[in-house]
């Protein structure tokens, strides 16, 4: 099994990413080849077939997204989606702690 990867591409190139950040929705995609919200470039570059996009929020600010993916089509279970959301909540807590530390160090 391949480990996590960290790769980047402009966020505005993927409609699913724009919807996730813009509206704050969790987006679940069982087969990216059948879903026009996933950019062809993302499918090709990251070899994505199934993905979940979860927004990261700190307070009222949307800070980014967490994306989980498979390289094959995958019918996401509610438990899997919940696990990705839990990961995002942990990342949000880390961002909030970082922000608080920055405020304290600058004051």
N, C-alpha and C. Protein backbone atom coordinates (compact mmCIF):
# COMPACT_ATOMS: atom_id res chain seq x y z
N UNK A 1 0.85 -1.18 0.00
CA UNK A 1 0.00 0.00 0.00
C UNK A 1 0.89 1.23 0.00
N UNK A 2 0.59 2.16 -0.85
CA UNK A 2 1.36 3.40 -0.95
C UNK A 2 1.06 4.28 0.25
N UNK A 3 2.07 5.02 0.68
CA UNK A 3 1.90 5.95 1.80
C UNK A 3 1.31 7.26 1.34
N UNK A 4 1.10 8.18 2.28
CA UNK A 4 0.53 9.48 1.93
C UNK A 4 1.48 10.27 1.05
N UNK A 5 0.92 11.07 0.20
CA UNK A 5 1.74 11.94 -0.65
C UNK A 5 1.34 13.38 -0.41
N UNK A 6 2.29 14.25 -0.58
CA UNK A 6 2.02 15.68 -0.50
C UNK A 6 2.41 16.27 -1.84
N UNK A 7 1.43 16.63 -2.61
CA UNK A 7 1.67 17.23 -3.91
C UNK A 7 0.70 18.40 -4.06
N UNK A 8 1.07 19.33 -4.88
CA UNK A 8 0.25 20.53 -5.02
C UNK A 8 -0.11 20.80 -6.47
N UNK A 9 -1.24 21.45 -6.66
CA UNK A 9 -1.63 22.03 -7.93
C UNK A 9 -2.56 23.18 -7.57
N UNK A 10 -2.72 24.15 -8.45
CA UNK A 10 -3.58 25.29 -8.13
C UNK A 10 -4.98 24.83 -7.74
N UNK A 11 -5.47 25.32 -6.61
CA UNK A 11 -6.76 24.88 -6.10
C UNK A 11 -7.92 25.25 -7.00
N UNK A 12 -7.81 26.34 -7.72
CA UNK A 12 -8.94 26.79 -8.53
C UNK A 12 -9.13 25.96 -9.80
N UNK A 13 -8.28 24.95 -10.03
CA UNK A 13 -8.42 24.13 -11.23
C UNK A 13 -9.37 22.96 -11.04
N UNK A 14 -9.86 22.74 -9.84
CA UNK A 14 -10.72 21.59 -9.57
C UNK A 14 -12.05 22.05 -9.00
N UNK A 15 -13.15 21.83 -9.71
CA UNK A 15 -14.46 22.26 -9.21
C UNK A 15 -14.81 21.67 -7.84
N UNK A 16 -14.42 20.45 -7.55
CA UNK A 16 -14.71 19.86 -6.24
C UNK A 16 -14.00 20.62 -5.14
N UNK A 17 -12.76 21.02 -5.39
CA UNK A 17 -12.00 21.80 -4.40
C UNK A 17 -12.66 23.16 -4.20
N UNK A 18 -13.06 23.81 -5.29
CA UNK A 18 -13.72 25.12 -5.18
C UNK A 18 -15.01 24.99 -4.37
N UNK A 19 -15.79 23.94 -4.60
CA UNK A 19 -17.04 23.74 -3.86
C UNK A 19 -16.77 23.46 -2.39
N UNK A 20 -15.75 22.68 -2.13
CA UNK A 20 -15.40 22.34 -0.75
C UNK A 20 -14.99 23.59 0.02
N UNK A 21 -14.12 24.38 -0.57
CA UNK A 21 -13.65 25.60 0.10
C UNK A 21 -14.74 26.67 0.07
N UNK A 22 -15.37 26.87 -1.07
CA UNK A 22 -16.33 27.95 -1.22
C UNK A 22 -17.57 27.80 -0.35
N UNK A 23 -18.15 26.60 -0.34
CA UNK A 23 -19.37 26.39 0.43
C UNK A 23 -19.12 25.67 1.75
N UNK A 24 -17.93 25.13 1.90
CA UNK A 24 -17.62 24.39 3.12
C UNK A 24 -18.22 23.00 3.14
N UNK A 25 -18.52 22.46 1.96
CA UNK A 25 -19.14 21.14 1.86
C UNK A 25 -18.08 20.04 1.86
N UNK A 26 -18.43 18.89 2.44
CA UNK A 26 -17.65 17.68 2.24
C UNK A 26 -18.10 17.09 0.92
N UNK A 27 -17.16 16.78 0.06
CA UNK A 27 -17.47 16.22 -1.26
C UNK A 27 -16.98 14.78 -1.29
N UNK A 28 -17.85 13.85 -1.63
CA UNK A 28 -17.52 12.43 -1.69
C UNK A 28 -17.64 11.98 -3.15
N UNK A 29 -16.56 11.42 -3.68
CA UNK A 29 -16.52 11.01 -5.09
C UNK A 29 -16.12 9.53 -5.17
N UNK A 30 -17.07 8.64 -5.47
CA UNK A 30 -16.73 7.22 -5.58
C UNK A 30 -15.93 6.87 -6.83
N UNK A 31 -16.14 7.62 -7.92
CA UNK A 31 -15.41 7.36 -9.16
C UNK A 31 -15.17 8.68 -9.88
N UNK A 32 -13.94 9.16 -9.81
CA UNK A 32 -13.59 10.46 -10.39
C UNK A 32 -13.78 10.49 -11.91
N UNK A 33 -13.66 9.34 -12.56
CA UNK A 33 -13.85 9.31 -14.01
C UNK A 33 -15.30 9.57 -14.40
N UNK A 34 -16.21 9.40 -13.45
CA UNK A 34 -17.64 9.60 -13.68
C UNK A 34 -18.16 10.90 -13.06
N UNK A 35 -17.28 11.71 -12.51
CA UNK A 35 -17.71 12.91 -11.77
C UNK A 35 -16.98 14.14 -12.32
N UNK A 36 -17.73 15.03 -12.94
CA UNK A 36 -17.12 16.20 -13.59
C UNK A 36 -16.56 17.21 -12.59
N UNK A 37 -16.83 17.05 -11.30
CA UNK A 37 -16.27 17.96 -10.30
C UNK A 37 -14.78 17.74 -10.07
N UNK A 38 -14.27 16.59 -10.48
CA UNK A 38 -12.85 16.30 -10.30
C UNK A 38 -12.12 16.64 -11.60
N UNK A 39 -11.13 17.50 -11.50
CA UNK A 39 -10.40 17.96 -12.68
C UNK A 39 -9.62 16.81 -13.32
N UNK A 40 -9.67 16.74 -14.65
CA UNK A 40 -8.90 15.72 -15.36
C UNK A 40 -7.43 15.77 -14.99
N UNK A 41 -6.92 16.98 -14.81
CA UNK A 41 -5.51 17.15 -14.45
C UNK A 41 -5.20 16.49 -13.11
N UNK A 42 -6.10 16.59 -12.15
CA UNK A 42 -5.92 15.94 -10.85
C UNK A 42 -5.95 14.43 -10.98
N UNK A 43 -6.88 13.93 -11.80
CA UNK A 43 -6.97 12.48 -12.02
C UNK A 43 -5.67 11.96 -12.61
N UNK A 44 -5.15 12.65 -13.61
CA UNK A 44 -3.92 12.23 -14.27
C UNK A 44 -2.70 12.39 -13.38
N UNK A 45 -2.57 13.54 -12.76
CA UNK A 45 -1.36 13.84 -11.98
C UNK A 45 -1.25 13.00 -10.72
N UNK A 46 -2.37 12.83 -10.01
CA UNK A 46 -2.34 12.14 -8.72
C UNK A 46 -2.86 10.71 -8.80
N UNK A 47 -3.26 10.29 -10.00
CA UNK A 47 -3.79 8.94 -10.21
C UNK A 47 -5.00 8.66 -9.31
N UNK A 48 -5.87 9.66 -9.18
CA UNK A 48 -7.05 9.56 -8.32
C UNK A 48 -8.17 8.85 -9.07
N UNK A 49 -8.88 7.98 -8.38
CA UNK A 49 -10.13 7.44 -8.92
C UNK A 49 -11.28 7.72 -7.97
N UNK A 50 -11.03 7.64 -6.66
CA UNK A 50 -12.06 7.94 -5.67
C UNK A 50 -11.47 8.91 -4.67
N UNK A 51 -12.26 9.88 -4.21
CA UNK A 51 -11.71 10.87 -3.29
C UNK A 51 -12.79 11.48 -2.41
N UNK A 52 -12.33 11.99 -1.27
CA UNK A 52 -13.18 12.75 -0.36
C UNK A 52 -12.46 14.04 -0.07
N UNK A 53 -13.18 15.16 -0.17
CA UNK A 53 -12.64 16.49 0.12
C UNK A 53 -13.35 17.01 1.36
N UNK A 54 -12.59 17.38 2.40
CA UNK A 54 -13.18 17.90 3.63
C UNK A 54 -12.55 19.26 3.91
N UNK A 55 -13.37 20.30 4.13
CA UNK A 55 -12.81 21.62 4.40
C UNK A 55 -12.15 21.70 5.77
N UNK A 56 -11.09 22.51 5.86
CA UNK A 56 -10.45 22.83 7.13
C UNK A 56 -10.91 24.21 7.55
N UNK A 57 -11.40 24.32 8.77
CA UNK A 57 -11.87 25.61 9.29
C UNK A 57 -11.19 25.90 10.62
N UNK A 58 -10.86 27.15 10.82
CA UNK A 58 -10.42 27.62 12.14
C UNK A 58 -11.30 28.83 12.43
N UNK A 59 -12.18 28.69 13.40
CA UNK A 59 -13.16 29.73 13.65
C UNK A 59 -14.07 29.85 12.44
N UNK A 60 -14.23 31.06 11.95
CA UNK A 60 -15.06 31.29 10.76
C UNK A 60 -14.26 31.24 9.47
N UNK A 61 -12.97 31.03 9.56
CA UNK A 61 -12.09 31.04 8.38
C UNK A 61 -11.97 29.64 7.79
N UNK A 62 -12.03 29.56 6.48
CA UNK A 62 -11.72 28.32 5.78
C UNK A 62 -10.23 28.36 5.46
N UNK A 63 -9.49 27.42 6.00
CA UNK A 63 -8.03 27.43 5.91
C UNK A 63 -7.47 26.53 4.82
N UNK A 64 -8.25 25.59 4.33
CA UNK A 64 -7.75 24.66 3.32
C UNK A 64 -8.65 23.44 3.26
N UNK A 65 -8.08 22.34 2.78
CA UNK A 65 -8.85 21.10 2.67
C UNK A 65 -7.97 19.90 2.99
N UNK A 66 -8.63 18.83 3.39
CA UNK A 66 -7.99 17.52 3.50
C UNK A 66 -8.59 16.68 2.39
N UNK A 67 -7.73 16.01 1.64
CA UNK A 67 -8.20 15.13 0.57
C UNK A 67 -7.69 13.72 0.84
N UNK A 68 -8.60 12.76 0.85
CA UNK A 68 -8.24 11.35 0.92
C UNK A 68 -8.61 10.72 -0.41
N UNK A 69 -7.78 9.82 -0.90
CA UNK A 69 -8.09 9.26 -2.22
C UNK A 69 -7.65 7.80 -2.34
N UNK A 70 -8.26 7.15 -3.31
CA UNK A 70 -7.88 5.81 -3.74
C UNK A 70 -7.50 5.88 -5.21
N UNK A 71 -6.69 4.95 -5.65
CA UNK A 71 -6.30 4.89 -7.07
C UNK A 71 -7.24 4.01 -7.88
N UNK A 72 -8.26 3.50 -7.22
CA UNK A 72 -9.31 2.72 -7.89
C UNK A 72 -10.65 3.30 -7.46
N UNK A 73 -11.69 3.03 -8.25
CA UNK A 73 -13.03 3.46 -7.85
C UNK A 73 -13.34 2.82 -6.50
N UNK A 74 -14.04 3.56 -5.65
CA UNK A 74 -14.28 3.06 -4.29
C UNK A 74 -15.58 3.64 -3.74
N UNK A 75 -16.53 2.79 -3.35
CA UNK A 75 -17.75 3.29 -2.73
C UNK A 75 -17.48 3.62 -1.26
N UNK A 76 -17.30 4.89 -0.94
CA UNK A 76 -16.94 5.32 0.40
C UNK A 76 -18.02 4.95 1.40
N UNK A 77 -17.63 4.31 2.50
CA UNK A 77 -18.58 4.03 3.56
C UNK A 77 -18.71 5.26 4.45
N UNK A 78 -19.79 5.32 5.21
CA UNK A 78 -19.97 6.45 6.12
C UNK A 78 -18.86 6.48 7.17
N UNK A 79 -18.36 5.32 7.57
CA UNK A 79 -17.27 5.26 8.54
C UNK A 79 -15.97 5.84 7.95
N UNK A 80 -15.72 5.57 6.68
CA UNK A 80 -14.52 6.12 6.04
C UNK A 80 -14.60 7.64 5.92
N UNK A 81 -15.76 8.13 5.52
CA UNK A 81 -15.94 9.59 5.41
C UNK A 81 -15.80 10.22 6.80
N UNK A 82 -16.35 9.59 7.81
CA UNK A 82 -16.23 10.10 9.18
C UNK A 82 -14.76 10.13 9.61
N UNK A 83 -13.98 9.14 9.22
CA UNK A 83 -12.55 9.10 9.57
C UNK A 83 -11.80 10.26 8.92
N UNK A 84 -12.12 10.58 7.67
CA UNK A 84 -11.48 11.71 7.00
C UNK A 84 -11.88 13.02 7.68
N UNK A 85 -13.15 13.12 8.05
CA UNK A 85 -13.60 14.32 8.78
C UNK A 85 -12.88 14.44 10.12
N UNK A 86 -12.68 13.33 10.81
CA UNK A 86 -11.97 13.34 12.09
C UNK A 86 -10.53 13.81 11.89
N UNK A 87 -9.90 13.34 10.84
CA UNK A 87 -8.55 13.80 10.52
C UNK A 87 -8.53 15.31 10.29
N UNK A 88 -9.52 15.81 9.56
CA UNK A 88 -9.61 17.26 9.31
C UNK A 88 -9.81 18.02 10.62
N UNK A 89 -10.65 17.51 11.53
CA UNK A 89 -10.85 18.19 12.82
C UNK A 89 -9.54 18.25 13.61
N UNK A 90 -8.73 17.19 13.54
CA UNK A 90 -7.43 17.21 14.21
C UNK A 90 -6.50 18.25 13.60
N UNK A 91 -6.52 18.35 12.27
CA UNK A 91 -5.71 19.37 11.60
C UNK A 91 -6.18 20.77 11.98
N UNK A 92 -7.50 20.95 12.11
CA UNK A 92 -8.02 22.26 12.52
C UNK A 92 -7.53 22.62 13.92
N UNK A 93 -7.51 21.64 14.83
CA UNK A 93 -7.03 21.90 16.18
C UNK A 93 -5.56 22.32 16.15
N UNK A 94 -4.77 21.66 15.32
CA UNK A 94 -3.35 22.03 15.21
C UNK A 94 -3.19 23.44 14.66
N UNK A 95 -4.00 23.81 13.68
CA UNK A 95 -3.94 25.16 13.13
C UNK A 95 -4.33 26.20 14.17
N UNK A 96 -5.35 25.91 14.96
CA UNK A 96 -5.79 26.84 16.01
C UNK A 96 -4.70 27.01 17.06
N UNK A 97 -4.05 25.93 17.45
CA UNK A 97 -2.95 26.00 18.42
C UNK A 97 -1.80 26.82 17.85
N UNK A 98 -1.48 26.58 16.58
CA UNK A 98 -0.41 27.36 15.93
C UNK A 98 -0.76 28.84 15.91
N UNK A 99 -1.99 29.16 15.55
CA UNK A 99 -2.40 30.55 15.50
C UNK A 99 -2.31 31.21 16.87
N UNK A 100 -2.73 30.50 17.90
CA UNK A 100 -2.67 31.05 19.27
C UNK A 100 -1.21 31.27 19.67
N UNK A 101 -0.34 30.35 19.32
CA UNK A 101 1.09 30.52 19.65
C UNK A 101 1.68 31.72 18.93
N UNK A 102 1.27 31.94 17.68
CA UNK A 102 1.76 33.10 16.93
C UNK A 102 1.29 34.40 17.57
N UNK A 103 0.03 34.42 18.00
CA UNK A 103 -0.51 35.62 18.65
C UNK A 103 0.27 35.91 19.93
N UNK A 104 0.51 34.88 20.72
CA UNK A 104 1.24 35.07 21.97
C UNK A 104 2.67 35.51 21.76
N UNK A 105 3.32 34.97 20.74
CA UNK A 105 4.73 35.33 20.51
C UNK A 105 4.89 36.73 19.91
N UNK A 106 3.85 37.24 19.26
CA UNK A 106 3.95 38.56 18.66
C UNK A 106 3.51 39.67 19.63
N UNK A 107 2.88 39.29 20.73
CA UNK A 107 2.33 40.27 21.67
C UNK A 107 3.29 40.63 22.71
